[in-house]
Amino acid sequence: MRAVYILPGLILAGALVLSSVFIVDEREKVLVLQFGQVKQVIDQPGLGFKIPLIQEVLRYEDRILGLPTQPLEVTPLDDRRLVVDAFARWRIVDLEVFRRAVGAGGVEAAKSNLDKIISAEIREVLGGVPSQKVLSEDRTTLMNTIRDKARAKANVLGVDVIDVRLTRTDLPEQNLEATFARMRAEREREAADEIGRGNEAAQRVRAAADRSVVEVVSQARKEAEVIRGESDGQRNAIYAEAFGRDPEFFAFTRSLTSYERALQSGNSSMVMQPDSEFFDYLRSEKAPVAGQ
């Protein structure tokens, strides 16, 4: 009969021992609570012990956590509104303070409170500088200032803000449209100026080309007139020499040329006497003698 009671007792004792032992991972911290009160804080990995059924174990991350903030609009000194996103890295450093600050909400409640703190510091810091400084690449000083201010206020949560980075700093959608319209107008004005300068340069080139054409044509006509005059002189010289050598042949060829020109189709009609001197070479087989 004694063995019948011993075995269940051993099983119950074993279950109580097992329920009183827990393992703390190196990536976490542990709070041991008794009726809601903190009885033990364990931040080192290993075995831990608690009173079964009376105490409970709460586990929290000991690693660095990330927090993307909600997009918010800020107004810098020059009243140029900006939409800002940030990303913060934080870590739980004081479990007792953390538990009192967030209660049963845990990490999610801490994120909500931390988001409000960081957003408020972003508005305050960026609202005290011009937008050009916010939009520049060299804004490390602003991010460090936001981190330091948020860290000081986050101490009441039992957390440490390790870093804050501005991930996006853009103009609001309605401002973007106005900015793009202004940029588009500036580019169109510059394009119009370039087109105007191009047309002016083209007009100058065209005028220079027209002037060159006129000069070249005038020079060509001048040279042509000179050559024509020289040719006429040479022709007349040849005619004069030919007339001096054989006046009768010269008169004959000149008469034939006159006949050809006068008797072409389409010319006006001519009325003259048959014995006109114009037909001397057509009435006789011999050329007329000069003076007869």
Protein backbone atom coordinates (compact mmCIF):
# COMPACT_ATOMS: atom_id res chain seq x y z
CA MET A 1 0.00 0.00 0.00
CA ARG A 2 2.89 2.35 0.73
CA ALA A 3 4.21 1.90 -2.81
CA VAL A 4 0.86 2.95 -4.17
CA TYR A 5 1.19 6.37 -2.50
CA ILE A 6 4.90 6.79 -3.10
CA LEU A 7 4.75 6.58 -6.89
CA PRO A 8 2.11 9.33 -7.35
CA GLY A 9 4.01 11.44 -4.83
CA LEU A 10 7.22 11.05 -6.79
CA ILE A 11 5.43 11.95 -9.99
CA LEU A 12 3.88 15.03 -8.38
CA ALA A 13 7.22 16.06 -6.88
CA GLY A 14 8.91 15.63 -10.25
CA ALA A 15 6.24 17.72 -11.95
CA LEU A 16 6.66 20.45 -9.32
CA VAL A 17 10.43 20.43 -9.76
CA LEU A 18 10.12 20.61 -13.54
CA SER A 19 7.59 23.45 -13.35
CA SER A 20 9.89 25.39 -11.04
CA VAL A 21 12.84 25.26 -13.44
CA PHE A 22 13.11 27.31 -16.62
CA ILE A 23 15.84 28.10 -19.11
CA VAL A 24 16.94 31.61 -19.97
CA ASP A 25 18.15 31.96 -23.56
CA GLU A 26 21.11 34.20 -24.34
CA ARG A 27 18.85 36.30 -26.62
CA GLU A 28 16.37 37.23 -23.90
CA LYS A 29 15.84 38.64 -20.45
CA VAL A 30 13.38 37.26 -17.90
CA LEU A 31 11.17 38.71 -15.19
CA VAL A 32 9.82 36.52 -12.42
CA LEU A 33 6.52 37.92 -11.11
CA GLN A 34 4.59 36.98 -8.01
CA PHE A 35 1.04 38.27 -7.91
CA GLY A 36 2.06 40.98 -10.40
CA GLN A 37 5.08 42.11 -8.39
CA VAL A 38 8.63 41.76 -9.73
CA LYS A 39 10.52 39.24 -7.64
CA GLN A 40 13.49 38.49 -9.83
CA VAL A 41 15.28 39.91 -12.89
CA ILE A 42 17.42 37.50 -14.87
CA ASP A 43 19.55 38.95 -17.67
CA GLN A 44 22.13 36.15 -17.94
CA PRO A 45 21.59 32.89 -19.86
CA GLY A 46 21.24 29.68 -17.87
CA LEU A 47 18.79 27.95 -15.53
CA GLY A 48 16.28 29.85 -13.41
CA PHE A 49 13.93 28.83 -10.64
CA LYS A 50 10.47 29.94 -9.56
CA ILE A 51 7.78 28.88 -7.16
CA PRO A 52 5.29 26.74 -9.08
CA LEU A 53 1.71 28.01 -9.35
CA ILE A 54 2.61 31.22 -7.51
CA GLN A 55 5.25 32.85 -9.66
CA GLU A 56 5.21 33.37 -13.43
CA VAL A 57 7.98 34.01 -15.94
CA LEU A 58 7.86 36.81 -18.54
CA ARG A 59 10.38 36.75 -21.36
CA TYR A 60 11.60 39.84 -23.22
CA GLU A 61 13.95 40.32 -26.15
CA ASP A 62 17.52 41.20 -25.23
CA ARG A 63 18.43 41.83 -28.86
CA ILE A 64 18.37 45.16 -30.71
CA LEU A 65 14.89 45.81 -32.09
CA GLY A 66 13.80 47.90 -35.06
CA LEU A 67 11.02 50.47 -35.24
CA PRO A 68 9.87 52.08 -38.51
CA THR A 69 8.01 55.25 -37.62
CA GLN A 70 4.76 56.33 -39.22
CA PRO A 71 5.12 58.90 -42.06
CA LEU A 72 4.57 62.41 -40.77
CA GLU A 73 4.58 65.92 -42.20
CA VAL A 74 6.99 68.48 -40.79
CA THR A 75 7.32 72.18 -41.53
CA PRO A 76 10.93 73.50 -41.55
CA LEU A 77 11.85 77.14 -41.02
CA ASP A 78 11.14 78.11 -44.63
CA ASP A 79 7.52 76.79 -44.39
CA ARG A 80 8.18 74.15 -47.03
CA ARG A 81 6.32 71.06 -45.84
CA LEU A 82 8.07 67.69 -45.98
CA VAL A 83 6.97 64.09 -45.51
CA VAL A 84 9.46 62.24 -43.30
CA ASP A 85 9.94 58.55 -42.50
CA ALA A 86 12.44 57.33 -39.93
CA PHE A 87 13.79 54.02 -38.66
CA ALA A 88 14.95 53.59 -35.07
CA ARG A 89 16.94 50.84 -33.38
CA TRP A 90 16.36 50.31 -29.69
CA ARG A 91 16.91 47.86 -26.87
CA ILE A 92 15.38 47.04 -23.46
CA VAL A 93 17.91 47.97 -20.77
CA ASP A 94 15.86 48.06 -17.52
CA LEU A 95 13.26 45.32 -17.21
CA GLU A 96 11.63 46.63 -14.03
CA VAL A 97 11.16 50.12 -15.44
CA PHE A 98 10.03 48.62 -18.74
CA ARG A 99 7.40 46.46 -16.98
CA ARG A 100 6.07 49.37 -14.97
CA ALA A 101 5.94 51.62 -18.07
CA VAL A 102 4.19 49.30 -20.52
CA GLY A 103 2.50 46.80 -18.22
CA ALA A 104 1.13 43.74 -19.97
CA GLY A 105 1.44 45.47 -23.34
CA GLY A 106 5.04 44.40 -23.63
CA VAL A 107 7.09 45.20 -26.72
CA GLU A 108 4.13 46.35 -28.83
CA ALA A 109 3.11 48.95 -26.25
CA ALA A 110 6.73 50.10 -26.03
CA LYS A 111 6.86 50.50 -29.81
CA SER A 112 3.73 52.64 -29.77
CA ASN A 113 5.11 54.92 -27.04
CA LEU A 114 8.53 55.08 -28.65
CA ASP A 115 7.01 55.99 -32.02
CA LYS A 116 5.29 58.97 -30.41
CA ILE A 117 8.53 60.11 -28.73
CA ILE A 118 10.61 59.86 -31.91
CA SER A 119 7.93 61.53 -34.05
CA ALA A 120 7.75 64.45 -31.63
CA GLU A 121 11.53 64.88 -31.68
CA ILE A 122 11.59 64.72 -35.47
CA ARG A 123 9.04 67.54 -35.65
CA GLU A 124 10.97 69.62 -33.14
CA VAL A 125 14.44 69.17 -34.64
CA LEU A 126 13.48 69.43 -38.31
CA GLY A 127 11.15 72.34 -37.60
CA GLY A 128 14.13 74.40 -36.45
CA VAL A 129 16.20 74.16 -39.64
CA PRO A 130 15.58 75.12 -43.30
CA SER A 131 14.34 72.45 -45.67
CA GLN A 132 17.54 72.62 -47.72
CA LYS A 133 19.47 71.21 -44.77
CA VAL A 134 16.93 68.44 -44.29
CA LEU A 135 17.03 67.46 -47.96
CA SER A 136 20.83 67.56 -48.20
CA GLU A 137 22.90 64.39 -47.97
CA ASP A 138 24.84 65.75 -45.01
CA ARG A 139 22.15 65.46 -42.33
CA THR A 140 23.94 63.19 -39.87
CA THR A 141 23.95 65.96 -37.26
CA LEU A 142 20.15 66.21 -37.42
CA MET A 143 19.71 62.45 -37.01
CA ASN A 144 22.12 62.35 -34.05
CA THR A 145 20.25 65.21 -32.40
CA ILE A 146 16.93 63.39 -32.83
CA ARG A 147 18.49 60.22 -31.38
CA ASP A 148 19.90 61.99 -28.31
CA LYS A 149 16.64 63.79 -27.52
CA ALA A 150 14.57 60.61 -28.03
CA ARG A 151 17.02 58.62 -25.87
CA ALA A 152 16.63 61.05 -22.99
CA LYS A 153 12.83 60.80 -23.07
CA ALA A 154 12.80 57.03 -23.66
CA ASN A 155 14.57 56.39 -20.34
CA VAL A 156 11.17 56.41 -18.62
CA LEU A 157 10.31 53.32 -20.70
CA GLY A 158 13.42 51.45 -19.60
CA VAL A 159 14.76 51.34 -23.18
CA ASP A 160 17.80 52.79 -24.94
CA VAL A 161 17.46 54.40 -28.36
CA ILE A 162 20.60 53.28 -30.17
CA ASP A 163 20.12 55.02 -33.50
CA VAL A 164 17.62 57.01 -35.55
CA ARG A 165 17.86 57.30 -39.33
CA LEU A 166 15.77 59.41 -41.69
CA THR A 167 14.81 57.02 -44.48
CA ARG A 168 12.68 59.40 -46.57
CA THR A 169 12.37 63.17 -46.78
CA ASP A 170 10.09 64.09 -49.67
CA LEU A 171 7.68 66.83 -50.56
CA PRO A 172 3.96 66.07 -50.08
CA GLU A 173 2.10 64.83 -53.13
CA GLN A 174 0.37 68.17 -53.81
CA ASN A 175 3.67 70.02 -53.41
CA LEU A 176 5.37 67.55 -55.72
CA GLU A 177 2.91 68.37 -58.49
CA ALA A 178 3.52 72.09 -58.06
CA THR A 179 7.28 71.54 -57.97
CA PHE A 180 7.19 69.39 -61.08
CA ALA A 181 5.06 71.99 -62.85
CA ARG A 182 7.55 74.71 -61.93
CA MET A 183 10.48 72.58 -63.06
CA ARG A 184 8.64 71.77 -66.29
CA ALA A 185 7.97 75.47 -66.93
CA GLU A 186 11.64 76.29 -66.32
CA ARG A 187 12.78 73.57 -68.71
CA GLU A 188 10.28 74.74 -71.35
CA ARG A 189 11.54 78.31 -70.98
CA GLU A 190 15.12 77.13 -71.34
CA ALA A 191 14.11 75.07 -74.38
CA ALA A 192 12.40 78.12 -75.91
CA ASP A 193 15.54 80.19 -75.31
CA GLU A 194 17.69 77.54 -76.94
CA ILE A 195 15.31 77.31 -79.91
CA GLY A 196 15.36 81.10 -80.25
CA ARG A 197 19.16 81.18 -80.18
CA GLY A 198 19.25 78.32 -82.68
CA ASN A 199 16.86 80.12 -85.03
CA GLU A 200 18.94 83.28 -84.74
CA ALA A 201 22.13 81.38 -85.54
CA ALA A 202 20.39 79.62 -88.44
CA GLN A 203 19.22 83.00 -89.78
CA ARG A 204 22.77 84.32 -89.62
CA VAL A 205 24.10 81.26 -91.44
CA ARG A 206 21.31 81.51 -94.01
CA ALA A 207 21.99 85.22 -94.59
CA ALA A 208 25.71 84.56 -94.95
CA ALA A 209 24.96 81.77 -97.42
CA ASP A 210 22.61 84.01 -99.44
CA ARG A 211 25.22 86.75 -99.50
CA SER A 212 27.84 84.26 -100.64
CA VAL A 213 25.49 83.05 -103.38
CA VAL A 214 24.92 86.60 -104.61
CA GLU A 215 28.66 87.33 -104.55
CA VAL A 216 29.53 84.08 -106.35
CA VAL A 217 26.80 84.61 -108.99
CA SER A 218 27.83 88.23 -109.53
CA GLN A 219 31.46 87.23 -109.87
CA ALA A 220 30.51 84.44 -112.28
CA ARG A 221 28.40 86.80 -114.38
CA LYS A 222 31.20 89.32 -114.42
CA GLU A 223 33.69 86.69 -115.56
CA ALA A 224 31.15 85.40 -118.11
CA GLU A 225 30.68 88.91 -119.54
CA VAL A 226 34.43 89.34 -119.76
CA ILE A 227 34.84 86.00 -121.50
CA ARG A 228 31.89 86.76 -123.81
CA GLY A 229 33.38 90.14 -124.67
CA GLU A 230 36.74 88.57 -125.38
CA SER A 231 35.04 85.89 -127.48
CA ASP A 232 33.09 88.50 -129.45
CA GLY A 233 36.31 90.38 -130.03
CA GLN A 234 38.04 87.25 -131.25
CA ARG A 235 35.03 86.40 -133.44
CA ASN A 236 34.98 89.87 -134.96
CA ALA A 237 38.68 89.66 -135.50
CA ILE A 238 38.24 86.35 -137.30
CA TYR A 239 35.38 87.79 -139.36
CA ALA A 240 37.46 90.84 -140.27
CA GLU A 241 40.40 88.69 -141.24
CA ALA A 242 38.16 86.42 -143.32
CA PHE A 243 36.52 89.42 -145.02
CA GLY A 244 39.95 90.80 -145.84
CA ARG A 245 41.04 87.54 -147.44
CA ASP A 246 37.88 86.83 -149.50
CA PRO A 247 35.21 89.53 -149.36
CA GLU A 248 32.95 87.68 -151.81
CA PHE A 249 32.87 84.47 -149.74
CA PHE A 250 32.31 86.50 -146.61
CA ALA A 251 29.32 88.28 -148.18
CA PHE A 252 27.98 84.93 -149.42
CA THR A 253 28.05 83.32 -145.92
CA ARG A 254 26.49 86.38 -144.40
CA SER A 255 23.66 86.23 -146.96
CA LEU A 256 23.04 82.54 -146.25
CA THR A 257 22.81 83.32 -142.54
CA SER A 258 20.31 86.08 -143.31
CA TYR A 259 18.24 83.70 -145.49
CA GLU A 260 18.20 81.08 -142.72
CA ARG A 261 17.03 83.54 -140.13
CA ALA A 262 14.46 85.24 -142.38
CA LEU A 263 12.93 82.13 -143.87
CA GLN A 264 12.41 80.14 -140.66
CA SER A 265 8.87 78.92 -140.00
CA GLY A 266 6.83 81.09 -137.71
CA ASN A 267 8.45 84.37 -138.77
CA SER A 268 6.35 87.29 -139.91
CA SER A 269 5.58 87.59 -143.61
CA MET A 270 7.86 89.82 -145.75
CA VAL A 271 6.67 91.74 -148.79
CA MET A 272 9.43 92.89 -151.16
CA GLN A 273 10.15 93.19 -154.90
CA PRO A 274 11.67 90.17 -156.66
CA ASP A 275 14.57 92.24 -157.86
CA SER A 276 15.48 93.25 -154.33
CA GLU A 277 19.14 93.04 -153.42
CA PHE A 278 18.18 90.60 -150.69
CA PHE A 279 17.83 87.84 -153.36
CA ASP A 280 20.96 88.62 -155.36
CA TYR A 281 22.54 85.24 -154.53
CA LEU A 282 19.30 83.42 -155.49
CA ARG A 283 18.93 85.03 -158.96
CA SER A 284 22.43 84.48 -160.28
CA GLU A 285 24.95 81.68 -160.27
CA LYS A 286 27.68 84.22 -159.63
CA ALA A 287 28.17 86.47 -156.77
CA PRO A 288 27.44 90.11 -157.41
CA VAL A 289 30.50 92.25 -157.89
CA ALA A 290 30.96 94.90 -155.31
CA GLY A 291 29.99 98.31 -156.59
CA GLN A 292 27.76 96.94 -159.35
